[in-house]
């Protein structure tokens, strides 16, 4: 409130009529209390933002872990299929080679 008194004194000191100086001070005070954030408002917002970021960070970590597990399972499955196909290819080639050698 001391800023209001200082502002009022400054305005009346430069010959602004007292009713107008009072109106300016009251309008400024009303705007400051209704539209400007206080330090407590900013601290609450900062705390809420930090907790929101922490929640998002935890959610992303869980999602990434899930994706990694899925990729590892898919890779293992693909390795097994590739091993079976390669084995089948080797048996087929060996059979063809043996067949060719027996014919000749």
N, C-alpha and C. Protein backbone atom coordinates (compact mmCIF):
# COMPACT_ATOMS: atom_id res chain seq x y z
N UNK A 1 0.83 -1.20 0.00
CA UNK A 1 0.00 0.00 0.00
C UNK A 1 0.86 1.25 0.00
N UNK A 2 2.12 1.13 0.39
CA UNK A 2 2.99 2.32 0.43
C UNK A 2 3.22 2.87 -0.96
N UNK A 3 3.20 1.97 -1.97
CA UNK A 3 3.35 2.45 -3.34
C UNK A 3 2.17 3.36 -3.72
N UNK A 4 0.99 3.02 -3.21
CA UNK A 4 -0.20 3.82 -3.52
C UNK A 4 -0.07 5.22 -2.92
N UNK A 5 0.41 5.28 -1.70
CA UNK A 5 0.59 6.60 -1.06
C UNK A 5 1.66 7.39 -1.79
N UNK A 6 2.75 6.71 -2.15
CA UNK A 6 3.83 7.39 -2.88
C UNK A 6 3.35 7.89 -4.23
N UNK A 7 2.57 7.07 -4.93
CA UNK A 7 2.03 7.49 -6.22
C UNK A 7 1.08 8.66 -6.07
N UNK A 8 0.21 8.57 -5.06
CA UNK A 8 -0.74 9.67 -4.80
C UNK A 8 0.02 10.96 -4.50
N UNK A 9 1.05 10.87 -3.66
CA UNK A 9 1.85 12.06 -3.33
C UNK A 9 2.55 12.60 -4.57
N UNK A 10 3.07 11.71 -5.42
CA UNK A 10 3.75 12.15 -6.63
C UNK A 10 2.78 12.85 -7.57
N UNK A 11 1.59 12.29 -7.71
CA UNK A 11 0.60 12.91 -8.61
C UNK A 11 0.14 14.26 -8.08
N UNK A 12 -0.14 14.32 -6.79
CA UNK A 12 -0.57 15.62 -6.24
C UNK A 12 0.58 16.61 -6.24
N UNK A 13 1.82 16.09 -6.19
CA UNK A 13 2.99 16.98 -6.22
C UNK A 13 3.18 17.63 -7.58
N UNK A 14 2.66 17.02 -8.63
CA UNK A 14 2.78 17.64 -9.97
C UNK A 14 1.45 18.29 -10.36
N UNK A 15 0.66 18.66 -9.36
CA UNK A 15 -0.57 19.43 -9.53
C UNK A 15 -1.70 18.68 -10.21
N UNK A 16 -1.74 17.36 -10.05
CA UNK A 16 -2.91 16.59 -10.50
C UNK A 16 -3.96 16.77 -9.41
N UNK A 17 -5.20 17.11 -9.78
CA UNK A 17 -6.23 17.30 -8.76
C UNK A 17 -6.36 16.03 -7.91
N UNK A 18 -6.64 16.23 -6.62
CA UNK A 18 -6.69 15.12 -5.67
C UNK A 18 -7.70 14.04 -6.07
N UNK A 19 -8.92 14.39 -6.54
CA UNK A 19 -9.86 13.32 -6.93
C UNK A 19 -9.32 12.48 -8.10
N UNK A 20 -8.65 13.13 -9.06
CA UNK A 20 -8.09 12.39 -10.18
C UNK A 20 -6.90 11.53 -9.74
N UNK A 21 -6.08 12.06 -8.87
CA UNK A 21 -4.94 11.30 -8.36
C UNK A 21 -5.43 10.07 -7.60
N UNK A 22 -6.47 10.25 -6.80
CA UNK A 22 -7.04 9.13 -6.06
C UNK A 22 -7.63 8.10 -7.01
N UNK A 23 -8.29 8.56 -8.08
CA UNK A 23 -8.87 7.65 -9.07
C UNK A 23 -7.78 6.84 -9.77
N UNK A 24 -6.67 7.49 -10.10
CA UNK A 24 -5.56 6.78 -10.75
C UNK A 24 -4.99 5.72 -9.81
N UNK A 25 -4.79 6.09 -8.55
CA UNK A 25 -4.23 5.15 -7.58
C UNK A 25 -5.18 3.97 -7.38
N UNK A 26 -6.46 4.24 -7.26
CA UNK A 26 -7.44 3.16 -7.06
C UNK A 26 -7.53 2.25 -8.28
N UNK A 27 -7.51 2.84 -9.46
CA UNK A 27 -7.56 2.04 -10.68
C UNK A 27 -6.32 1.16 -10.80
N UNK A 28 -5.17 1.73 -10.50
CA UNK A 28 -3.94 0.96 -10.57
C UNK A 28 -3.94 -0.17 -9.54
N UNK A 29 -4.39 0.13 -8.34
CA UNK A 29 -4.45 -0.88 -7.30
C UNK A 29 -5.42 -2.00 -7.67
N UNK A 30 -6.57 -1.63 -8.26
CA UNK A 30 -7.55 -2.64 -8.67
C UNK A 30 -6.97 -3.53 -9.76
N UNK A 31 -6.28 -2.95 -10.73
CA UNK A 31 -5.67 -3.74 -11.81
C UNK A 31 -4.57 -4.65 -11.26
N UNK A 32 -3.79 -4.12 -10.34
CA UNK A 32 -2.68 -4.91 -9.80
C UNK A 32 -3.19 -6.09 -8.98
N UNK A 33 -4.28 -5.92 -8.25
CA UNK A 33 -4.76 -7.02 -7.42
C UNK A 33 -5.60 -8.02 -8.22
N UNK A 34 -6.18 -7.59 -9.33
CA UNK A 34 -7.05 -8.51 -10.08
C UNK A 34 -6.36 -9.16 -11.27
N UNK A 35 -5.35 -8.52 -11.85
CA UNK A 35 -4.78 -9.05 -13.09
C UNK A 35 -3.32 -9.47 -13.00
N UNK A 36 -2.59 -8.97 -12.04
CA UNK A 36 -1.19 -9.32 -11.95
C UNK A 36 -1.00 -10.50 -11.01
N UNK A 37 -0.03 -11.33 -11.32
CA UNK A 37 0.27 -12.49 -10.48
C UNK A 37 1.13 -12.06 -9.29
N UNK A 38 0.82 -12.64 -8.17
CA UNK A 38 1.63 -12.40 -6.99
C UNK A 38 2.76 -13.42 -6.95
N UNK A 39 3.69 -13.20 -6.05
CA UNK A 39 4.80 -14.15 -5.90
C UNK A 39 4.26 -15.52 -5.51
N UNK A 40 3.24 -15.55 -4.66
CA UNK A 40 2.64 -16.82 -4.26
C UNK A 40 1.98 -17.51 -5.45
N UNK A 41 1.34 -16.72 -6.34
CA UNK A 41 0.73 -17.30 -7.55
C UNK A 41 1.80 -17.96 -8.42
N UNK A 42 2.91 -17.29 -8.57
CA UNK A 42 3.99 -17.81 -9.41
C UNK A 42 4.60 -19.06 -8.78
N UNK A 43 4.76 -19.05 -7.46
CA UNK A 43 5.31 -20.23 -6.78
C UNK A 43 4.38 -21.43 -6.92
N UNK A 44 3.05 -21.20 -6.80
CA UNK A 44 2.09 -22.29 -6.99
C UNK A 44 2.16 -22.83 -8.41
N UNK A 45 2.26 -21.93 -9.37
CA UNK A 45 2.36 -22.34 -10.77
C UNK A 45 3.65 -23.12 -11.01
N UNK A 46 4.74 -22.67 -10.42
CA UNK A 46 6.01 -23.37 -10.58
C UNK A 46 5.94 -24.78 -9.98
N UNK A 47 5.34 -24.90 -8.81
CA UNK A 47 5.19 -26.20 -8.16
C UNK A 47 4.31 -27.13 -9.00
N UNK A 48 3.20 -26.59 -9.51
CA UNK A 48 2.30 -27.40 -10.34
C UNK A 48 3.00 -27.84 -11.63
N UNK A 49 3.76 -26.94 -12.22
CA UNK A 49 4.48 -27.26 -13.45
C UNK A 49 5.53 -28.34 -13.20
N UNK A 50 6.25 -28.22 -12.09
CA UNK A 50 7.26 -29.23 -11.76
C UNK A 50 6.62 -30.59 -11.57
N UNK A 51 5.49 -30.63 -10.88
CA UNK A 51 4.85 -31.92 -10.65
C UNK A 51 4.28 -32.48 -11.96
N UNK A 52 3.78 -31.60 -12.83
CA UNK A 52 3.30 -32.07 -14.14
C UNK A 52 4.44 -32.64 -14.97
N UNK A 53 5.58 -31.95 -14.97
CA UNK A 53 6.73 -32.46 -15.72
C UNK A 53 7.22 -33.77 -15.14
N UNK A 54 7.20 -33.90 -13.83
CA UNK A 54 7.63 -35.15 -13.20
C UNK A 54 6.70 -36.29 -13.60
N UNK A 55 5.40 -36.02 -13.65
CA UNK A 55 4.45 -37.05 -14.06
C UNK A 55 4.66 -37.45 -15.51
N UNK A 56 4.87 -36.48 -16.37
CA UNK A 56 5.11 -36.77 -17.79
C UNK A 56 6.41 -37.55 -17.96
N UNK A 57 7.44 -37.15 -17.21
CA UNK A 57 8.73 -37.84 -17.27
C UNK A 57 8.57 -39.30 -16.86
N UNK A 58 7.83 -39.55 -15.78
CA UNK A 58 7.62 -40.92 -15.31
C UNK A 58 6.81 -41.73 -16.33
N UNK A 59 5.80 -41.10 -16.90
CA UNK A 59 4.97 -41.78 -17.89
C UNK A 59 5.79 -42.14 -19.14
N UNK A 60 6.64 -41.21 -19.57
CA UNK A 60 7.47 -41.47 -20.74
C UNK A 60 8.48 -42.58 -20.45
N UNK A 61 9.05 -42.59 -19.25
CA UNK A 61 10.01 -43.63 -18.90
C UNK A 61 9.34 -45.00 -18.93
N UNK A 62 8.13 -45.08 -18.40
CA UNK A 62 7.40 -46.35 -18.42
C UNK A 62 7.08 -46.77 -19.85
N UNK A 63 6.67 -45.82 -20.66
CA UNK A 63 6.34 -46.13 -22.06
C UNK A 63 7.58 -46.58 -22.82
N UNK A 64 8.71 -45.91 -22.61
CA UNK A 64 9.95 -46.31 -23.28
C UNK A 64 10.38 -47.70 -22.84
N UNK A 65 10.23 -48.02 -21.56
CA UNK A 65 10.58 -49.35 -21.07
C UNK A 65 9.70 -50.40 -21.74
N UNK A 66 8.43 -50.09 -21.91
CA UNK A 66 7.51 -51.01 -22.57
C UNK A 66 7.91 -51.23 -24.03
N UNK A 67 8.25 -50.15 -24.70
CA UNK A 67 8.67 -50.24 -26.11
C UNK A 67 9.95 -51.06 -26.23
N UNK A 68 10.90 -50.82 -25.31
CA UNK A 68 12.15 -51.59 -25.34
C UNK A 68 11.88 -53.08 -25.15
N UNK A 69 10.99 -53.40 -24.22
CA UNK A 69 10.66 -54.81 -23.97
C UNK A 69 10.00 -55.43 -25.21
N UNK A 70 9.09 -54.69 -25.83
CA UNK A 70 8.44 -55.19 -27.04
C UNK A 70 9.45 -55.41 -28.17
N UNK A 71 10.37 -54.46 -28.32
CA UNK A 71 11.38 -54.59 -29.37
C UNK A 71 12.30 -55.79 -29.10
N UNK A 72 12.66 -56.00 -27.85
CA UNK A 72 13.51 -57.15 -27.52
C UNK A 72 12.79 -58.45 -27.82
N UNK A 73 11.51 -58.53 -27.48
CA UNK A 73 10.73 -59.74 -27.76
C UNK A 73 10.61 -59.96 -29.27
N UNK A 74 10.35 -58.89 -30.01
CA UNK A 74 10.25 -59.01 -31.47
C UNK A 74 11.59 -59.45 -32.08
N UNK A 75 12.67 -58.88 -31.57
CA UNK A 75 13.99 -59.25 -32.08
C UNK A 75 14.27 -60.73 -31.82
N UNK A 76 13.93 -61.19 -30.63
CA UNK A 76 14.14 -62.61 -30.29
C UNK A 76 13.32 -63.50 -31.21
N UNK A 77 12.08 -63.11 -31.45
CA UNK A 77 11.22 -63.89 -32.34
C UNK A 77 11.79 -63.91 -33.77
N UNK A 78 12.26 -62.76 -34.23
CA UNK A 78 12.83 -62.69 -35.57
C UNK A 78 14.10 -63.52 -35.67
N UNK A 79 14.92 -63.52 -34.60
CA UNK A 79 16.12 -64.35 -34.60
C UNK A 79 15.77 -65.83 -34.72
N UNK A 80 14.75 -66.26 -34.00
CA UNK A 80 14.33 -67.66 -34.06
C UNK A 80 13.84 -68.03 -35.46
N UNK A 81 13.01 -67.15 -36.04
CA UNK A 81 12.51 -67.44 -37.40
C UNK A 81 13.64 -67.47 -38.41
N UNK A 82 14.58 -66.54 -38.27
CA UNK A 82 15.72 -66.49 -39.19
C UNK A 82 16.58 -67.74 -39.05
N UNK A 83 16.79 -68.19 -37.82
CA UNK A 83 17.58 -69.41 -37.59
C UNK A 83 16.89 -70.61 -38.22
N UNK A 84 15.59 -70.72 -38.05
CA UNK A 84 14.85 -71.84 -38.65
C UNK A 84 14.91 -71.80 -40.17
N UNK A 85 14.73 -70.63 -40.75
CA UNK A 85 14.77 -70.52 -42.21
C UNK A 85 16.16 -70.83 -42.75
N UNK A 86 17.19 -70.32 -42.04
CA UNK A 86 18.56 -70.60 -42.47
C UNK A 86 18.85 -72.09 -42.37
N UNK A 87 18.39 -72.73 -41.30
CA UNK A 87 18.57 -74.18 -41.15
C UNK A 87 17.87 -74.93 -42.26
N UNK A 88 16.64 -74.51 -42.58
CA UNK A 88 15.90 -75.17 -43.66
C UNK A 88 16.61 -74.98 -45.00
N UNK A 89 17.16 -73.81 -45.22
CA UNK A 89 17.90 -73.54 -46.45
C UNK A 89 19.15 -74.41 -46.54
N UNK A 90 19.86 -74.56 -45.45
CA UNK A 90 21.07 -75.40 -45.43
C UNK A 90 20.71 -76.86 -45.71
N UNK A 91 19.65 -77.36 -45.08
CA UNK A 91 19.21 -78.75 -45.31
C UNK A 91 18.80 -78.93 -46.77
N UNK A 92 18.08 -77.96 -47.31
CA UNK A 92 17.65 -78.05 -48.71
C UNK A 92 18.87 -78.06 -49.63
N UNK A 93 19.81 -77.16 -49.40
CA UNK A 93 21.02 -77.12 -50.25
C UNK A 93 21.82 -78.41 -50.12
N UNK A 94 21.95 -78.91 -48.90
CA UNK A 94 22.70 -80.15 -48.69
C UNK A 94 22.02 -81.30 -49.41
N UNK A 95 20.68 -81.36 -49.36
CA UNK A 95 19.94 -82.42 -50.04
C UNK A 95 20.15 -82.32 -51.54
N UNK A 96 20.09 -81.11 -52.08
CA UNK A 96 20.28 -80.93 -53.52
C UNK A 96 21.70 -81.35 -53.92
N UNK A 97 22.69 -80.94 -53.11
CA UNK A 97 24.08 -81.29 -53.43
C UNK A 97 24.28 -82.81 -53.38
N UNK A 98 23.74 -83.45 -52.35
CA UNK A 98 23.85 -84.91 -52.23
C UNK A 98 23.15 -85.59 -53.41
N UNK A 99 21.99 -85.09 -53.77
CA UNK A 99 21.26 -85.65 -54.92
C UNK A 99 22.05 -85.51 -56.20
N UNK A 100 22.69 -84.36 -56.40
CA UNK A 100 23.48 -84.14 -57.61
C UNK A 100 24.70 -85.07 -57.60
N UNK A 101 25.32 -85.20 -56.45
CA UNK A 101 26.50 -86.07 -56.36
C UNK A 101 26.14 -87.54 -56.60
N UNK A 102 24.96 -87.98 -56.18
CA UNK A 102 24.56 -89.37 -56.38
C UNK A 102 24.21 -89.62 -57.84
N UNK A 103 23.70 -88.63 -58.52
CA UNK A 103 23.34 -88.80 -59.93
C UNK A 103 24.62 -88.88 -60.77
N UNK A 104 25.61 -88.15 -60.44
CA UNK A 104 26.79 -88.15 -61.28
C UNK A 104 27.63 -89.33 -61.07
